[in-house]
């Protein structure tokens, strides 16, 4: 039962992310078709996609933090593979 709930949650999460990706890609394709600068379109696409994918988790995390629900913050760190130091890519 738990496993089925987990699988369904993952499917829903992936579907939601895919809809966001498709929507942003469609916008980028329209911009390219009207002759916008490809590098600028790609920059805008990647920024918009990142912002939309992290918006809801960010809002939830801020809310949990303000409510003192630090276990949620801990779970988010685990789910997204964040350690307590700076991201390793930032050090490069």
Protein backbone atom coordinates (compact mmCIF):
# COMPACT_ATOMS: atom_id res chain seq x y z
CA UNK A 1 0.00 0.00 0.00
CA UNK A 2 2.74 2.47 0.96
CA UNK A 3 4.74 1.51 -2.11
CA UNK A 4 1.77 2.18 -4.41
CA UNK A 5 1.23 5.60 -2.78
CA UNK A 6 4.92 6.40 -3.30
CA UNK A 7 4.84 5.35 -6.95
CA UNK A 8 1.70 7.39 -7.60
CA UNK A 9 3.22 10.44 -5.91
CA UNK A 10 6.38 10.13 -8.03
CA UNK A 11 4.32 9.75 -11.21
CA UNK A 12 2.33 12.87 -10.34
CA UNK A 13 5.51 14.83 -9.53
CA UNK A 14 7.16 13.77 -12.79
CA UNK A 15 4.01 14.60 -14.78
CA UNK A 16 3.84 18.04 -13.21
CA UNK A 17 7.51 18.70 -14.01
CA UNK A 18 7.01 17.47 -17.58
CA UNK A 19 4.06 19.83 -18.11
CA UNK A 20 6.19 22.73 -16.88
CA UNK A 21 9.06 21.71 -19.18
CA UNK A 22 6.76 21.39 -22.20
CA UNK A 23 5.16 24.77 -21.53
CA UNK A 24 8.51 26.54 -21.21
CA UNK A 25 9.89 24.75 -24.26
CA UNK A 26 6.88 25.85 -26.30
CA UNK A 27 7.53 29.47 -25.29
CA UNK A 28 11.19 29.15 -26.25
CA UNK A 29 10.34 27.61 -29.62
CA UNK A 30 7.98 30.51 -30.39
CA UNK A 31 10.73 32.99 -29.50
CA UNK A 32 13.19 31.20 -31.80
CA UNK A 33 10.65 31.07 -34.63
CA UNK A 34 10.15 34.82 -34.47
CA UNK A 35 13.91 35.29 -34.71
CA UNK A 36 14.94 36.03 -31.13
CA UNK A 37 18.61 35.51 -30.29
CA UNK A 38 19.11 31.77 -29.53
CA UNK A 39 21.52 32.36 -26.63
CA UNK A 40 19.08 34.78 -24.99
CA UNK A 41 16.17 32.36 -25.54
CA UNK A 42 18.15 29.51 -23.94
CA UNK A 43 19.10 31.70 -20.97
CA UNK A 44 15.50 32.74 -20.46
CA UNK A 45 14.24 29.17 -20.91
CA UNK A 46 16.65 27.72 -18.36
CA UNK A 47 15.97 30.49 -15.84
CA UNK A 48 12.18 30.18 -16.19
CA UNK A 49 12.30 26.38 -15.94
CA UNK A 50 14.46 26.47 -12.83
CA UNK A 51 12.27 29.11 -11.18
CA UNK A 52 9.06 27.24 -11.89
CA UNK A 53 10.43 23.89 -10.72
CA UNK A 54 11.74 25.23 -7.42
CA UNK A 55 8.96 27.74 -6.65
CA UNK A 56 6.49 25.46 -4.85
CA UNK A 57 9.14 23.58 -2.80
CA UNK A 58 10.69 26.96 -1.86
CA UNK A 59 7.38 28.37 -0.66
CA UNK A 60 6.67 25.21 1.34
CA UNK A 61 10.15 25.23 2.85
CA UNK A 62 9.88 28.89 3.91
CA UNK A 63 6.48 28.21 5.47
CA UNK A 64 7.75 25.16 7.35
CA UNK A 65 10.76 27.12 8.60
CA UNK A 66 8.63 30.01 9.82
CA UNK A 67 6.40 27.52 11.64
CA UNK A 68 9.41 25.92 13.34
CA UNK A 69 8.92 22.64 11.48
CA UNK A 70 12.63 21.94 11.14
CA UNK A 71 12.04 18.27 10.30
CA UNK A 72 10.63 19.44 6.96
CA UNK A 73 13.78 21.47 6.33
CA UNK A 74 15.83 18.38 7.18
CA UNK A 75 13.81 16.21 4.81
CA UNK A 76 14.17 18.75 2.02
CA UNK A 77 17.94 18.75 2.47
CA UNK A 78 17.93 14.96 2.24
CA UNK A 79 15.52 14.82 -0.73
CA UNK A 80 17.53 17.32 -2.77
CA UNK A 81 20.96 16.03 -1.74
CA UNK A 82 22.00 19.24 -0.01
CA UNK A 83 24.65 19.18 2.65
CA UNK A 84 25.11 21.89 5.25
CA UNK A 85 28.13 23.39 3.49
CA UNK A 86 28.18 25.18 0.17
CA UNK A 87 27.29 23.28 -2.95
CA UNK A 88 30.38 21.52 -4.29
CA UNK A 89 29.87 23.11 -7.74
CA UNK A 90 30.17 26.58 -6.20
CA UNK A 91 33.68 25.74 -5.00
CA UNK A 92 34.93 24.93 -8.52
